[in-house]
């Protein structure tokens, strides 16, 4: 059964996950949010931050998914992530993606780290270029 929830709305996730044994998290930013000059001095995770910033959607969204999983005893999380989140920090492609796309790979990697630290059984799929 496929149920939908908004990764930035914990109540919708709780409603969707009630009685679930597993979660497949496939959310992301669409359209891509390009870096903005104000990103240099703005904390994307602050309450005043952009709700469409990759930090909010990818990282905080995963924290919400994991919180709902713990609330409902969900045993397995499968996360569809991006290929670049596994690149070395100074990989030229990663640096370019980070500069242009508001550090998307960095926030995707932090979301993956949150999954690993959560204690929930997980699988992370780093797929290249899905549309």
Foldseek 3Di string as FASTA:
>chain_A
DDDDAQLLDLVRLLVRCAPAQEEEAEDFQPPFDWDDPCLVPDDCPDPPHDCRALLNRQASSLVSNLVSCVVRVHAEYEYEAAQLLPDDPPDVVQVVCCNTRVNNSVSNVNSVVCVVVSPHHYHYHHDYDDD
